[in-house]
Structures are given as structure tokens and as C-alpha cells.
Amino acid sequence: MTVPRLAPGVRLSFDGRRDRWMVQAPERVVILDAIGAAVLAMVDGVADVTDIITSLAAEYDAPEAEIEADILALLEDLTNRGIVINA
């Protein structure tokens, strides 16, 4: 399975003044909801996509099959934007 990581120059951060998670990338910012932030917090170049799905399913007490499509869609979107790459 694919092992995603943040692209060079990209970082996940929390804006305490606005109480929101965001991805800061060269020349752009992407605002995340709590689930998006939870997914990207696990995108470390070590955990593969299956590990991320399994971990978040346990954390949120949700069936893996139910959240898999959402996680894959988020990672695909962020990969297409150049924010996430495969390690």
C-alpha cells in the first residue's frame, strides 16, 4: 500500500487565533476540518494508507469500510494539489 508524506516545504499547523487546522504550502494555504487534520497528522512517510485507515477507524470508533473512501479521496485530492507525495 502507498506510504504518503507531506511534500517538501509543506507543513501542518494549528492557527490558535482562528481555532483551525491548516496546511501551509508554498504560495498557498489549505484550511482543514478536524478529520482532515487527523488524517494529515498521520501522513509521516512511515505509516501506509492502510495503517492510517485502521488507526482512525479505531480512534473514531467507525467501520474501516465506512471511512476508507473518504480518506482515500482526501489523500488523492491533496496529492493532485502537490501537498502530499508518496514516500
C-alpha atoms as a PDB file:
ATOM      1  CA  MET A   1       0.000   0.000   0.000  1.00  0.00           C
ATOM      2  CA  THR A   2       1.098   3.589  -0.541  1.00  0.00           C
ATOM      3  CA  VAL A   3       3.092   5.430   2.131  1.00  0.00           C
ATOM      4  CA  PRO A   4       2.154   9.121   1.920  1.00  0.00           C
ATOM      5  CA  ARG A   5       4.110  12.066   3.310  1.00  0.00           C
ATOM      6  CA  LEU A   6       3.893  15.820   3.095  1.00  0.00           C
ATOM      7  CA  ALA A   7       5.666  17.328   0.106  1.00  0.00           C
ATOM      8  CA  PRO A   8       8.837  19.336   0.734  1.00  0.00           C
ATOM      9  CA  GLY A   9       8.010  22.812   2.041  1.00  0.00           C
ATOM     10  CA  VAL A  10       4.566  21.759   3.291  1.00  0.00           C
ATOM     11  CA  ARG A  11       3.599  21.710   6.951  1.00  0.00           C
ATOM     12  CA  LEU A  12       0.532  21.037   9.039  1.00  0.00           C
ATOM     13  CA  SER A  13      -0.141  23.721  11.639  1.00  0.00           C
ATOM     14  CA  PHE A  14      -2.835  24.923  14.017  1.00  0.00           C
ATOM     15  CA  ASP A  15      -3.894  28.571  13.941  1.00  0.00           C
ATOM     16  CA  GLY A  16      -4.818  29.252  17.560  1.00  0.00           C
ATOM     17  CA  ARG A  17      -6.149  32.732  16.799  1.00  0.00           C
ATOM     18  CA  ARG A  18      -8.683  31.324  14.355  1.00  0.00           C
ATOM     19  CA  ASP A  19      -9.018  27.930  16.075  1.00  0.00           C
ATOM     20  CA  ARG A  20      -8.444  25.906  12.906  1.00  0.00           C
ATOM     21  CA  TRP A  21      -6.010  23.481  11.287  1.00  0.00           C
ATOM     22  CA  MET A  22      -4.306  24.326   8.036  1.00  0.00           C
ATOM     23  CA  VAL A  23      -1.705  23.098   5.624  1.00  0.00           C
ATOM     24  CA  GLN A  24       0.861  25.715   4.710  1.00  0.00           C
ATOM     25  CA  ALA A  25       2.459  25.164   1.333  1.00  0.00           C
ATOM     26  CA  PRO A  26       4.492  27.436  -0.897  1.00  0.00           C
ATOM     27  CA  GLU A  27       2.180  30.225  -2.093  1.00  0.00           C
ATOM     28  CA  ARG A  28      -0.989  28.674  -0.650  1.00  0.00           C
ATOM     29  CA  VAL A  29      -2.849  27.673   2.476  1.00  0.00           C
ATOM     30  CA  VAL A  30      -5.435  24.892   2.718  1.00  0.00           C
ATOM     31  CA  ILE A  31      -7.885  25.030   5.637  1.00  0.00           C
ATOM     32  CA  LEU A  32      -8.714  21.619   7.119  1.00  0.00           C
ATOM     33  CA  ASP A  33     -11.533  20.305   9.236  1.00  0.00           C
ATOM     34  CA  ALA A  34     -10.741  18.146  12.280  1.00  0.00           C
ATOM     35  CA  ILE A  35     -10.859  14.896  10.307  1.00  0.00           C
ATOM     36  CA  GLY A  36      -8.596  16.241   7.569  1.00  0.00           C
ATOM     37  CA  ALA A  37      -6.138  17.360  10.236  1.00  0.00           C
ATOM     38  CA  ALA A  38      -6.284  13.924  11.890  1.00  0.00           C
ATOM     39  CA  VAL A  39      -5.504  12.245   8.573  1.00  0.00           C
ATOM     40  CA  LEU A  40      -2.615  14.580   7.758  1.00  0.00           C
ATOM     41  CA  ALA A  41      -1.187  14.245  11.255  1.00  0.00           C
ATOM     42  CA  MET A  42      -0.611  10.583  10.374  1.00  0.00           C
ATOM     43  CA  VAL A  43       0.936  11.333   6.971  1.00  0.00           C
ATOM     44  CA  ASP A  44       4.523  10.915   8.131  1.00  0.00           C
ATOM     45  CA  GLY A  45       6.268   8.900   5.437  1.00  0.00           C
ATOM     46  CA  VAL A  46       6.189   5.826   7.686  1.00  0.00           C
ATOM     47  CA  ALA A  47       2.527   4.827   8.057  1.00  0.00           C
ATOM     48  CA  ASP A  48       0.935   3.433   4.933  1.00  0.00           C
ATOM     49  CA  VAL A  49      -2.626   4.239   3.909  1.00  0.00           C
ATOM     50  CA  THR A  50      -3.937   1.023   5.474  1.00  0.00           C
ATOM     51  CA  ASP A  51      -2.309   1.959   8.801  1.00  0.00           C
ATOM     52  CA  ILE A  52      -3.919   5.397   8.650  1.00  0.00           C
ATOM     53  CA  ILE A  53      -7.363   3.954   7.908  1.00  0.00           C
ATOM     54  CA  THR A  54      -7.082   1.337  10.664  1.00  0.00           C
ATOM     55  CA  SER A  55      -5.858   3.830  13.248  1.00  0.00           C
ATOM     56  CA  LEU A  56      -8.507   6.445  12.510  1.00  0.00           C
ATOM     57  CA  ALA A  57     -11.276   3.841  12.415  1.00  0.00           C
ATOM     58  CA  ALA A  58     -10.255   2.782  15.924  1.00  0.00           C
ATOM     59  CA  GLU A  59      -9.869   6.376  17.157  1.00  0.00           C
ATOM     60  CA  TYR A  60     -13.285   7.456  15.880  1.00  0.00           C
ATOM     61  CA  ASP A  61     -14.991   4.089  16.520  1.00  0.00           C
ATOM     62  CA  ALA A  62     -16.023   3.865  12.867  1.00  0.00           C
ATOM     63  CA  PRO A  63     -16.013   0.920  10.465  1.00  0.00           C
ATOM     64  CA  GLU A  64     -12.916   0.915   8.251  1.00  0.00           C
ATOM     65  CA  ALA A  65     -15.015   0.376   5.138  1.00  0.00           C
ATOM     66  CA  GLU A  66     -17.036   3.477   6.002  1.00  0.00           C
ATOM     67  CA  ILE A  67     -14.082   5.863   6.297  1.00  0.00           C
ATOM     68  CA  GLU A  68     -11.748   4.331   3.718  1.00  0.00           C
ATOM     69  CA  ALA A  69     -13.320   6.100   0.731  1.00  0.00           C
ATOM     70  CA  ASP A  70     -13.201   9.484   2.482  1.00  0.00           C
ATOM     71  CA  ILE A  71      -9.548   9.104   3.474  1.00  0.00           C
ATOM     72  CA  LEU A  72      -8.549   7.924   0.005  1.00  0.00           C
ATOM     73  CA  ALA A  73     -10.432  10.819  -1.612  1.00  0.00           C
ATOM     74  CA  LEU A  74      -8.746  13.354   0.686  1.00  0.00           C
ATOM     75  CA  LEU A  75      -5.289  11.928   0.032  1.00  0.00           C
ATOM     76  CA  GLU A  76      -5.925  11.829  -3.720  1.00  0.00           C
ATOM     77  CA  ASP A  77      -7.078  15.461  -3.711  1.00  0.00           C
ATOM     78  CA  LEU A  78      -4.056  16.602  -1.693  1.00  0.00           C
ATOM     79  CA  THR A  79      -1.739  14.555  -3.918  1.00  0.00           C
ATOM     80  CA  ASN A  80      -3.214  16.210  -7.011  1.00  0.00           C
ATOM     81  CA  ARG A  81      -2.567  19.598  -5.374  1.00  0.00           C
ATOM     82  CA  GLY A  82       1.065  18.685  -4.684  1.00  0.00           C
ATOM     83  CA  ILE A  83       0.624  18.771  -0.905  1.00  0.00           C
ATOM     84  CA  VAL A  84       1.035  15.029  -0.317  1.00  0.00           C
ATOM     85  CA  ILE A  85       3.503  12.792  -2.155  1.00  0.00           C
ATOM     86  CA  ASN A  86       4.340   9.104  -1.922  1.00  0.00           C
ATOM     87  CA  ALA A  87       7.393   8.296   0.175  1.00  0.00           C
END
